[in-house]
Amino acid sequence: MLIKTGDTVEVIAGADKGKQSRVIEVLRADGKALVEGVAKVYKHVRRSQKHPQGGRLSKEAPIQLSNLAYFCRACSKATRLGSRFKDDGSTERTAAVAGEAGEKRVTETEAFCLSAG
């Protein structure tokens, strides 16, 4: 599970297919994520001091991580994520970006630099 909180993702399956939004929370034990504005459901709330009016609250429901793809800012499309070891032994996430001559791998930091420049 390489998708993290704060990543921009695109929904690739389901009723909200094609929407792009930010990940609010990743539920690793369930293999799901809460995505801003995606999979909205209504929660019926009884009147209380906290909700004096009662009624229906709209909130996000968890969506399967397999239905999400990382949205690469460098190429402006959804892509797969991978990880690799750097020279110092630490790992970094890489976005697989389809190039003209096959597949080119761009690191997360390079992708952000490309989109800024």
N, C-alpha and C. Protein backbone atom coordinates (compact mmCIF):
# COMPACT_ATOMS: atom_id res chain seq x y z
N MET A 1 0.84 -1.17 0.00
CA MET A 1 0.00 0.00 0.00
C MET A 1 0.88 1.24 0.00
N LEU A 2 1.07 1.78 -1.17
CA LEU A 2 1.98 2.91 -1.30
C LEU A 2 1.25 4.24 -1.27
N ILE A 3 -0.06 4.24 -1.30
CA ILE A 3 -0.82 5.49 -1.22
C ILE A 3 -0.81 5.97 0.22
N LYS A 4 -0.52 7.26 0.40
CA LYS A 4 -0.42 7.83 1.74
C LYS A 4 -1.41 8.97 1.91
N THR A 5 -1.61 9.38 3.17
CA THR A 5 -2.48 10.51 3.48
C THR A 5 -1.91 11.77 2.83
N GLY A 6 -2.79 12.53 2.18
CA GLY A 6 -2.38 13.76 1.52
C GLY A 6 -2.09 13.61 0.04
N ASP A 7 -1.99 12.37 -0.46
CA ASP A 7 -1.75 12.15 -1.89
C ASP A 7 -2.97 12.53 -2.69
N THR A 8 -2.75 12.95 -3.92
CA THR A 8 -3.84 13.16 -4.85
C THR A 8 -4.03 11.86 -5.60
N VAL A 9 -5.28 11.36 -5.62
CA VAL A 9 -5.57 10.09 -6.28
C VAL A 9 -6.73 10.28 -7.25
N GLU A 10 -6.85 9.32 -8.17
CA GLU A 10 -7.96 9.29 -9.10
C GLU A 10 -8.72 7.98 -8.88
N VAL A 11 -10.04 8.05 -8.85
CA VAL A 11 -10.86 6.85 -8.69
C VAL A 11 -10.93 6.15 -10.03
N ILE A 12 -10.55 4.87 -10.09
CA ILE A 12 -10.50 4.14 -11.36
C ILE A 12 -11.64 3.14 -11.51
N ALA A 13 -12.46 2.98 -10.47
CA ALA A 13 -13.60 2.05 -10.56
C ALA A 13 -14.69 2.51 -9.59
N GLY A 14 -15.92 2.21 -9.93
CA GLY A 14 -17.03 2.54 -9.05
C GLY A 14 -17.86 3.71 -9.55
N ALA A 15 -18.80 4.15 -8.73
CA ALA A 15 -19.72 5.21 -9.11
C ALA A 15 -19.03 6.55 -9.32
N ASP A 16 -17.93 6.80 -8.62
CA ASP A 16 -17.21 8.07 -8.71
C ASP A 16 -16.00 7.98 -9.64
N LYS A 17 -16.02 7.06 -10.60
CA LYS A 17 -14.90 6.84 -11.50
C LYS A 17 -14.52 8.14 -12.22
N GLY A 18 -13.21 8.44 -12.23
CA GLY A 18 -12.72 9.62 -12.91
C GLY A 18 -12.49 10.82 -12.02
N LYS A 19 -13.03 10.80 -10.81
CA LYS A 19 -12.85 11.92 -9.89
C LYS A 19 -11.43 11.93 -9.34
N GLN A 20 -10.88 13.13 -9.18
CA GLN A 20 -9.56 13.29 -8.58
C GLN A 20 -9.72 14.07 -7.29
N SER A 21 -9.08 13.59 -6.23
CA SER A 21 -9.20 14.25 -4.94
C SER A 21 -8.06 13.84 -4.03
N ARG A 22 -8.06 14.40 -2.83
CA ARG A 22 -6.99 14.19 -1.85
C ARG A 22 -7.40 13.11 -0.85
N VAL A 23 -6.44 12.29 -0.43
CA VAL A 23 -6.68 11.24 0.56
C VAL A 23 -6.69 11.88 1.94
N ILE A 24 -7.78 11.65 2.69
CA ILE A 24 -7.91 12.18 4.05
C ILE A 24 -7.25 11.25 5.06
N GLU A 25 -7.51 9.94 4.90
CA GLU A 25 -7.01 8.95 5.86
C GLU A 25 -6.89 7.61 5.16
N VAL A 26 -5.87 6.84 5.52
CA VAL A 26 -5.68 5.49 4.98
C VAL A 26 -5.94 4.50 6.11
N LEU A 27 -6.87 3.57 5.88
CA LEU A 27 -7.21 2.53 6.85
C LEU A 27 -6.49 1.25 6.43
N ARG A 28 -5.26 1.09 6.89
CA ARG A 28 -4.39 0.00 6.43
C ARG A 28 -4.94 -1.39 6.76
N ALA A 29 -5.53 -1.55 7.93
CA ALA A 29 -6.04 -2.86 8.34
C ALA A 29 -7.17 -3.33 7.42
N ASP A 30 -7.97 -2.38 6.92
CA ASP A 30 -9.10 -2.73 6.05
C ASP A 30 -8.74 -2.66 4.57
N GLY A 31 -7.59 -2.06 4.23
CA GLY A 31 -7.21 -1.89 2.83
C GLY A 31 -8.07 -0.85 2.14
N LYS A 32 -8.47 0.17 2.90
CA LYS A 32 -9.35 1.21 2.36
C LYS A 32 -8.79 2.59 2.67
N ALA A 33 -9.39 3.60 2.04
CA ALA A 33 -8.97 4.98 2.27
C ALA A 33 -10.19 5.89 2.23
N LEU A 34 -10.13 6.97 2.99
CA LEU A 34 -11.15 8.01 2.93
C LEU A 34 -10.64 9.07 1.97
N VAL A 35 -11.42 9.36 0.94
CA VAL A 35 -11.02 10.33 -0.08
C VAL A 35 -12.03 11.48 -0.06
N GLU A 36 -11.51 12.69 -0.09
CA GLU A 36 -12.31 13.90 0.01
C GLU A 36 -13.33 13.98 -1.14
N GLY A 37 -14.63 14.04 -0.80
CA GLY A 37 -15.68 14.22 -1.80
C GLY A 37 -16.03 12.99 -2.62
N VAL A 38 -15.50 11.82 -2.28
CA VAL A 38 -15.75 10.59 -3.03
C VAL A 38 -16.50 9.61 -2.13
N ALA A 39 -17.41 8.84 -2.70
CA ALA A 39 -18.20 7.84 -1.97
C ALA A 39 -18.98 8.49 -0.83
N LYS A 40 -19.72 9.53 -1.15
CA LYS A 40 -20.51 10.24 -0.15
C LYS A 40 -21.72 9.39 0.24
N VAL A 41 -21.97 9.31 1.54
CA VAL A 41 -23.13 8.60 2.07
C VAL A 41 -23.83 9.50 3.08
N TYR A 42 -25.07 9.17 3.37
CA TYR A 42 -25.82 9.93 4.38
C TYR A 42 -25.85 9.16 5.68
N LYS A 43 -25.57 9.86 6.77
CA LYS A 43 -25.68 9.28 8.10
C LYS A 43 -26.88 9.96 8.75
N HIS A 44 -27.86 9.18 9.15
CA HIS A 44 -29.05 9.73 9.78
C HIS A 44 -28.76 9.97 11.26
N VAL A 45 -29.00 11.20 11.70
CA VAL A 45 -28.62 11.61 13.05
C VAL A 45 -29.88 12.00 13.82
N ARG A 46 -29.99 11.43 15.01
CA ARG A 46 -31.10 11.77 15.90
C ARG A 46 -30.84 13.14 16.53
N ARG A 47 -31.88 13.84 16.90
CA ARG A 47 -31.71 15.13 17.56
C ARG A 47 -30.97 14.95 18.88
N SER A 48 -30.03 15.85 19.14
CA SER A 48 -29.26 15.82 20.38
C SER A 48 -28.73 17.23 20.63
N GLN A 49 -27.98 17.40 21.71
CA GLN A 49 -27.41 18.71 21.97
C GLN A 49 -26.38 19.08 20.90
N LYS A 50 -25.66 18.09 20.45
CA LYS A 50 -24.66 18.34 19.41
C LYS A 50 -25.31 18.66 18.06
N HIS A 51 -26.40 17.96 17.74
CA HIS A 51 -27.14 18.18 16.50
C HIS A 51 -28.60 18.47 16.84
N PRO A 52 -28.92 19.71 17.23
CA PRO A 52 -30.29 20.02 17.67
C PRO A 52 -31.34 19.84 16.58
N GLN A 53 -30.95 20.01 15.34
CA GLN A 53 -31.90 19.86 14.24
C GLN A 53 -32.11 18.39 13.87
N GLY A 54 -31.07 17.57 14.03
CA GLY A 54 -31.14 16.18 13.59
C GLY A 54 -31.04 16.13 12.08
N GLY A 55 -31.46 15.05 11.45
CA GLY A 55 -31.49 14.97 10.00
C GLY A 55 -30.41 14.08 9.43
N ARG A 56 -30.01 14.41 8.20
CA ARG A 56 -29.03 13.60 7.48
C ARG A 56 -27.73 14.37 7.31
N LEU A 57 -26.62 13.75 7.71
CA LEU A 57 -25.29 14.33 7.52
C LEU A 57 -24.62 13.61 6.35
N SER A 58 -24.01 14.37 5.46
CA SER A 58 -23.29 13.79 4.34
C SER A 58 -21.84 13.61 4.75
N LYS A 59 -21.30 12.41 4.55
CA LYS A 59 -19.91 12.14 4.91
C LYS A 59 -19.30 11.16 3.92
N GLU A 60 -17.96 11.07 3.93
CA GLU A 60 -17.26 10.17 3.03
C GLU A 60 -17.22 8.76 3.62
N ALA A 61 -17.41 7.77 2.77
CA ALA A 61 -17.28 6.37 3.16
C ALA A 61 -15.93 5.87 2.66
N PRO A 62 -15.34 4.87 3.32
CA PRO A 62 -14.07 4.32 2.85
C PRO A 62 -14.22 3.66 1.48
N ILE A 63 -13.18 3.78 0.66
CA ILE A 63 -13.16 3.16 -0.66
C ILE A 63 -11.93 2.25 -0.75
N GLN A 64 -12.06 1.12 -1.43
CA GLN A 64 -10.96 0.16 -1.55
C GLN A 64 -9.75 0.80 -2.22
N LEU A 65 -8.56 0.49 -1.72
CA LEU A 65 -7.33 1.03 -2.31
C LEU A 65 -7.12 0.53 -3.74
N SER A 66 -7.68 -0.65 -4.05
CA SER A 66 -7.53 -1.17 -5.41
C SER A 66 -8.33 -0.35 -6.42
N ASN A 67 -9.28 0.44 -5.94
CA ASN A 67 -10.08 1.29 -6.82
C ASN A 67 -9.49 2.69 -6.97
N LEU A 68 -8.30 2.92 -6.42
CA LEU A 68 -7.64 4.21 -6.48
C LEU A 68 -6.32 4.09 -7.21
N ALA A 69 -5.95 5.15 -7.92
CA ALA A 69 -4.64 5.22 -8.56
C ALA A 69 -4.02 6.56 -8.22
N TYR A 70 -2.73 6.56 -7.96
CA TYR A 70 -1.99 7.79 -7.65
C TYR A 70 -2.04 8.70 -8.86
N PHE A 71 -2.34 9.99 -8.65
CA PHE A 71 -2.40 10.96 -9.74
C PHE A 71 -1.06 11.68 -9.82
N CYS A 72 -0.34 11.46 -10.90
CA CYS A 72 0.99 12.04 -11.09
C CYS A 72 0.84 13.47 -11.61
N ARG A 73 1.42 14.42 -10.88
CA ARG A 73 1.31 15.82 -11.29
C ARG A 73 2.19 16.13 -12.49
N ALA A 74 3.26 15.36 -12.68
CA ALA A 74 4.18 15.63 -13.78
C ALA A 74 3.54 15.35 -15.14
N CYS A 75 2.82 14.23 -15.23
CA CYS A 75 2.22 13.86 -16.52
C CYS A 75 0.72 14.09 -16.55
N SER A 76 0.13 14.54 -15.46
CA SER A 76 -1.30 14.85 -15.35
C SER A 76 -2.20 13.67 -15.68
N LYS A 77 -1.82 12.47 -15.20
CA LYS A 77 -2.68 11.31 -15.36
C LYS A 77 -2.42 10.32 -14.24
N ALA A 78 -3.33 9.37 -14.08
CA ALA A 78 -3.20 8.35 -13.04
C ALA A 78 -2.10 7.38 -13.44
N THR A 79 -1.34 6.94 -12.44
CA THR A 79 -0.23 6.03 -12.70
C THR A 79 -0.05 5.06 -11.55
N ARG A 80 0.72 4.01 -11.78
CA ARG A 80 1.02 3.05 -10.73
C ARG A 80 2.17 3.58 -9.88
N LEU A 81 2.24 3.11 -8.66
CA LEU A 81 3.34 3.48 -7.77
C LEU A 81 4.20 2.26 -7.51
N GLY A 82 5.48 2.49 -7.38
CA GLY A 82 6.42 1.45 -7.01
C GLY A 82 7.36 2.00 -5.96
N SER A 83 8.24 1.17 -5.46
CA SER A 83 9.23 1.66 -4.50
C SER A 83 10.58 1.08 -4.89
N ARG A 84 11.61 1.82 -4.56
CA ARG A 84 12.95 1.34 -4.83
C ARG A 84 13.88 1.82 -3.73
N PHE A 85 15.03 1.16 -3.63
CA PHE A 85 16.03 1.51 -2.62
C PHE A 85 16.98 2.56 -3.20
N LYS A 86 17.26 3.56 -2.38
CA LYS A 86 18.25 4.56 -2.77
C LYS A 86 19.63 4.05 -2.37
N ASP A 87 20.68 4.79 -2.73
CA ASP A 87 22.05 4.37 -2.44
C ASP A 87 22.33 4.28 -0.95
N ASP A 88 21.67 5.13 -0.15
CA ASP A 88 21.91 5.12 1.29
C ASP A 88 21.10 4.05 2.02
N GLY A 89 20.30 3.26 1.29
CA GLY A 89 19.55 2.17 1.90
C GLY A 89 18.09 2.50 2.21
N SER A 90 17.71 3.76 2.15
CA SER A 90 16.32 4.13 2.40
C SER A 90 15.49 3.88 1.15
N THR A 91 14.17 3.81 1.32
CA THR A 91 13.29 3.58 0.19
C THR A 91 12.61 4.87 -0.23
N GLU A 92 12.22 4.92 -1.51
CA GLU A 92 11.46 6.05 -2.01
C GLU A 92 10.38 5.54 -2.94
N ARG A 93 9.27 6.27 -2.98
CA ARG A 93 8.18 5.90 -3.89
C ARG A 93 8.50 6.45 -5.27
N THR A 94 8.17 5.66 -6.30
CA THR A 94 8.36 6.10 -7.67
C THR A 94 7.05 5.97 -8.41
N ALA A 95 6.82 6.88 -9.33
CA ALA A 95 5.63 6.83 -10.17
C ALA A 95 6.04 6.31 -11.53
N ALA A 96 5.36 5.29 -12.02
CA ALA A 96 5.66 4.75 -13.34
C ALA A 96 4.96 5.63 -14.37
N VAL A 97 5.76 6.32 -15.19
CA VAL A 97 5.22 7.23 -16.19
C VAL A 97 5.51 6.64 -17.55
N ALA A 98 4.48 6.47 -18.36
CA ALA A 98 4.66 5.89 -19.69
C ALA A 98 5.35 6.91 -20.59
N GLY A 99 6.50 6.53 -21.11
CA GLY A 99 7.24 7.40 -22.02
C GLY A 99 7.11 6.90 -23.45
N GLU A 100 7.78 7.55 -24.38
CA GLU A 100 7.69 7.16 -25.79
C GLU A 100 8.40 5.83 -26.03
N ALA A 101 9.51 5.62 -25.36
CA ALA A 101 10.28 4.39 -25.57
C ALA A 101 10.08 3.44 -24.40
N GLY A 102 8.85 3.10 -24.12
CA GLY A 102 8.57 2.17 -23.02
C GLY A 102 8.17 2.89 -21.76
N GLU A 103 8.69 2.44 -20.65
CA GLU A 103 8.27 2.96 -19.36
C GLU A 103 9.44 3.64 -18.65
N LYS A 104 9.24 4.85 -18.22
CA LYS A 104 10.26 5.61 -17.52
C LYS A 104 9.81 5.76 -16.08
N ARG A 105 10.71 5.60 -15.15
CA ARG A 105 10.36 5.73 -13.75
C ARG A 105 10.85 7.07 -13.23
N VAL A 106 9.93 7.83 -12.63
CA VAL A 106 10.24 9.15 -12.10
C VAL A 106 10.01 9.12 -10.61
N THR A 107 10.96 9.60 -9.82
CA THR A 107 10.78 9.59 -8.38
C THR A 107 9.79 10.67 -7.97
N GLU A 108 9.27 10.52 -6.78
CA GLU A 108 8.27 11.46 -6.25
C GLU A 108 8.82 12.87 -6.23
N THR A 109 10.05 13.05 -5.81
CA THR A 109 10.64 14.39 -5.74
C THR A 109 10.88 14.95 -7.13
N GLU A 110 11.31 14.10 -8.08
CA GLU A 110 11.50 14.57 -9.45
C GLU A 110 10.18 14.98 -10.07
N ALA A 111 9.11 14.22 -9.77
CA ALA A 111 7.79 14.54 -10.33
C ALA A 111 7.33 15.90 -9.85
N PHE A 112 7.55 16.22 -8.58
CA PHE A 112 7.12 17.51 -8.07
C PHE A 112 7.98 18.61 -8.66
N CYS A 113 9.25 18.35 -8.89
CA CYS A 113 10.14 19.35 -9.51
C CYS A 113 9.73 19.60 -10.95
N LEU A 114 9.35 18.54 -11.67
CA LEU A 114 8.93 18.69 -13.06
C LEU A 114 7.65 19.52 -13.17
N SER A 115 6.71 19.29 -12.23
CA SER A 115 5.46 20.02 -12.29
C SER A 115 5.64 21.49 -11.89
N ALA A 116 6.62 21.78 -11.05
CA ALA A 116 6.84 23.16 -10.61
C ALA A 116 7.58 23.96 -11.67
N GLY A 117 8.41 23.27 -12.46
CA GLY A 117 9.27 23.97 -13.40
C GLY A 117 8.78 24.02 -14.78
